[in-house]
Amino acid sequence: MTRRLLGLVAALAVAVSGSLAVAAPAHAATPAIEITKVYYDSPGVDNRSNKSLNAEWVRLTNRRSTTINLKNWTLRDKANHVYKFSGDFKLAKGKSVVIHTGKGTNTAGHRYWGSGNYIWNNTGDIAYLRNASGKLIDSCKWTKKGNGYTNC
């Protein structure tokens, strides 16, 4: 009787631990690219000058150990203003790129939306990063004006 009971308890323990292992949530993987900072309120008066527009920006950081091609990836806000990485744009491991709202010359570390209007709302917004297939990779949300920026 004792052996049968021990066998039943052991079988039950294996069954329960197996089902728990299956039911346990998978460890959330770090996104390939993360939105690490949004400067949603450029310093000074919002006068729509290119200097002021470019002081509004989003920083993306490659957290993976390999270079990632951002070709056709998009960055957008709640109102669906969309910045699209065109052509091959490779972000090396551990590197960041800043996407400025205004106009400028694109480099490896700085890209320019080319907008004549502000994109990010000072009182709250969400930045969404999607890959070329449209899959949401990361997002960053803020709800009120604080220091003019948020770390994500």
Protein backbone atom coordinates (compact mmCIF):
# COMPACT_ATOMS: atom_id res chain seq x y z
CA MET A 1 0.00 0.00 0.00
CA THR A 2 2.78 2.42 0.93
CA ARG A 3 4.64 1.67 -2.31
CA ARG A 4 1.49 2.19 -4.33
CA LEU A 5 0.82 5.49 -2.51
CA LEU A 6 4.44 6.65 -3.03
CA GLY A 7 4.22 5.70 -6.71
CA LEU A 8 0.97 7.64 -7.06
CA VAL A 9 2.44 10.70 -5.30
CA ALA A 10 5.58 10.54 -7.49
CA ALA A 11 3.48 10.24 -10.67
CA LEU A 12 1.29 13.11 -9.56
CA ALA A 13 4.36 15.25 -8.78
CA VAL A 14 5.81 14.56 -12.24
CA ALA A 15 2.49 15.35 -13.92
CA VAL A 16 1.99 18.56 -11.94
CA SER A 17 5.57 19.77 -12.43
CA GLY A 18 5.37 18.98 -16.14
CA SER A 19 2.15 20.93 -16.53
CA LEU A 20 3.57 23.80 -14.49
CA ALA A 21 6.63 23.92 -16.70
CA VAL A 22 4.41 24.14 -19.76
CA ALA A 23 2.10 26.70 -18.16
CA ALA A 24 4.87 28.95 -16.88
CA PRO A 25 5.29 32.10 -18.96
CA ALA A 26 8.25 32.21 -21.28
CA HIS A 27 11.00 34.62 -20.31
CA ALA A 28 10.29 37.86 -22.15
CA ALA A 29 13.07 38.34 -24.65
CA THR A 30 14.67 41.74 -24.98
CA PRO A 31 13.45 43.35 -28.18
CA ALA A 32 16.02 43.41 -30.95
CA ILE A 33 15.74 47.18 -31.04
CA GLU A 34 14.41 49.21 -28.11
CA ILE A 35 13.03 52.71 -27.87
CA THR A 36 15.31 53.99 -25.13
CA LYS A 37 14.43 57.69 -24.91
CA VAL A 38 11.88 60.12 -26.33
CA TYR A 39 12.48 63.86 -26.15
CA TYR A 40 8.87 64.90 -26.84
CA ASP A 41 9.10 68.59 -25.85
CA SER A 42 11.99 70.48 -27.40
CA PRO A 43 13.50 73.12 -25.10
CA GLY A 44 12.34 76.70 -25.45
CA VAL A 45 9.41 78.09 -27.41
CA ASP A 46 7.70 75.75 -29.88
CA ASN A 47 8.14 78.02 -32.90
CA ARG A 48 8.40 75.21 -35.51
CA SER A 49 11.91 76.27 -36.51
CA ASN A 50 14.00 73.40 -37.84
CA LYS A 51 16.27 73.71 -34.79
CA SER A 52 13.27 73.37 -32.47
CA LEU A 53 11.80 70.49 -34.49
CA ASN A 54 15.12 68.61 -34.40
CA ALA A 55 15.30 68.99 -30.61
CA GLU A 56 12.29 66.63 -30.57
CA TRP A 57 13.58 63.10 -31.12
CA VAL A 58 13.43 59.38 -30.40
CA ARG A 59 16.46 57.21 -29.65
CA LEU A 60 16.51 53.56 -30.72
CA THR A 61 19.15 51.17 -29.37
CA ASN A 62 20.23 47.77 -30.70
CA ARG A 63 20.30 45.45 -27.67
CA ARG A 64 21.31 42.36 -29.65
CA SER A 65 24.82 41.01 -30.23
CA THR A 66 24.51 41.36 -34.00
CA THR A 67 23.91 44.14 -36.50
CA ILE A 68 20.24 44.59 -37.50
CA ASN A 69 19.02 46.00 -40.81
CA LEU A 70 16.15 48.43 -40.18
CA LYS A 71 15.15 48.65 -43.85
CA ASN A 72 11.38 49.35 -44.03
CA TRP A 73 10.98 49.45 -40.22
CA THR A 74 8.65 52.21 -39.02
CA LEU A 75 8.41 54.54 -36.06
CA ARG A 76 4.98 56.10 -35.47
CA ASP A 77 2.84 57.91 -32.93
CA LYS A 78 -0.80 57.44 -31.85
CA ALA A 79 -1.99 59.79 -34.63
CA ASN A 80 -0.21 57.55 -37.18
CA HIS A 81 2.54 59.97 -38.23
CA VAL A 82 5.02 57.50 -39.75
CA TYR A 83 8.79 57.58 -40.20
CA LYS A 84 10.06 54.75 -42.42
CA PHE A 85 13.67 53.62 -42.67
CA SER A 86 14.31 53.51 -46.39
CA GLY A 87 17.13 51.63 -48.05
CA ASP A 88 19.53 49.50 -46.08
CA PHE A 89 20.09 51.02 -42.68
CA LYS A 90 22.16 48.78 -40.46
CA LEU A 91 22.37 49.42 -36.73
CA ALA A 92 25.41 47.72 -35.19
CA LYS A 93 25.23 45.82 -31.91
CA GLY A 94 25.03 48.13 -28.92
CA LYS A 95 24.68 51.24 -31.10
CA SER A 96 21.89 53.83 -31.10
CA VAL A 97 20.28 56.03 -33.71
CA VAL A 98 18.33 59.22 -33.02
CA ILE A 99 15.36 60.06 -35.25
CA HIS A 100 14.83 63.84 -35.25
CA THR A 101 11.47 65.36 -36.21
CA GLY A 102 12.80 68.08 -38.55
CA LYS A 103 15.04 68.14 -41.60
CA GLY A 104 18.73 67.29 -41.86
CA THR A 105 21.31 65.03 -43.46
CA ASN A 106 21.02 61.38 -42.44
CA THR A 107 24.07 59.77 -40.85
CA ALA A 108 24.75 56.50 -39.05
CA GLY A 109 23.73 58.03 -35.71
CA HIS A 110 21.09 60.56 -36.74
CA ARG A 111 18.09 60.27 -39.06
CA TYR A 112 15.62 63.01 -39.96
CA TRP A 113 11.84 62.68 -40.28
CA GLY A 114 11.63 65.79 -42.46
CA SER A 115 8.46 67.07 -40.80
CA GLY A 116 7.58 70.75 -40.57
CA ASN A 117 5.35 70.03 -37.58
CA TYR A 118 5.92 68.49 -34.17
CA ILE A 119 5.15 64.76 -33.99
CA TRP A 120 5.18 63.88 -30.29
CA ASN A 121 2.47 65.28 -27.99
CA ASN A 122 3.76 66.95 -24.84
CA THR A 123 0.73 65.89 -22.80
CA GLY A 124 0.97 62.21 -23.68
CA ASP A 125 1.57 59.94 -26.64
CA ILE A 126 2.92 56.53 -27.60
CA ALA A 127 5.90 55.80 -29.83
CA TYR A 128 5.57 52.50 -31.69
CA LEU A 129 8.44 50.69 -33.43
CA ARG A 130 7.47 48.07 -36.02
CA ASN A 131 9.66 45.83 -38.15
CA ALA A 132 9.39 45.52 -41.94
CA SER A 133 6.59 42.94 -41.55
CA GLY A 134 4.57 45.30 -39.36
CA LYS A 135 5.17 43.38 -36.13
CA LEU A 136 5.31 45.57 -33.02
CA ILE A 137 8.87 45.41 -31.69
CA ASP A 138 8.68 48.00 -28.92
CA SER A 139 6.63 50.94 -27.67
CA CYS A 140 7.06 53.79 -25.22
CA LYS A 141 4.20 55.68 -23.58
CA TRP A 142 4.08 58.90 -21.58
CA THR A 143 1.00 60.53 -20.08
CA LYS A 144 1.88 64.06 -19.06
CA LYS A 145 4.42 66.78 -19.52
CA GLY A 146 7.32 66.29 -17.17
CA ASN A 147 10.91 67.15 -18.00
CA GLY A 148 10.12 67.13 -21.71
CA TYR A 149 11.52 63.63 -22.17
CA THR A 150 10.97 60.09 -21.02
CA ASN A 151 13.35 57.16 -20.67
CA CYS A 152 11.75 53.99 -21.89
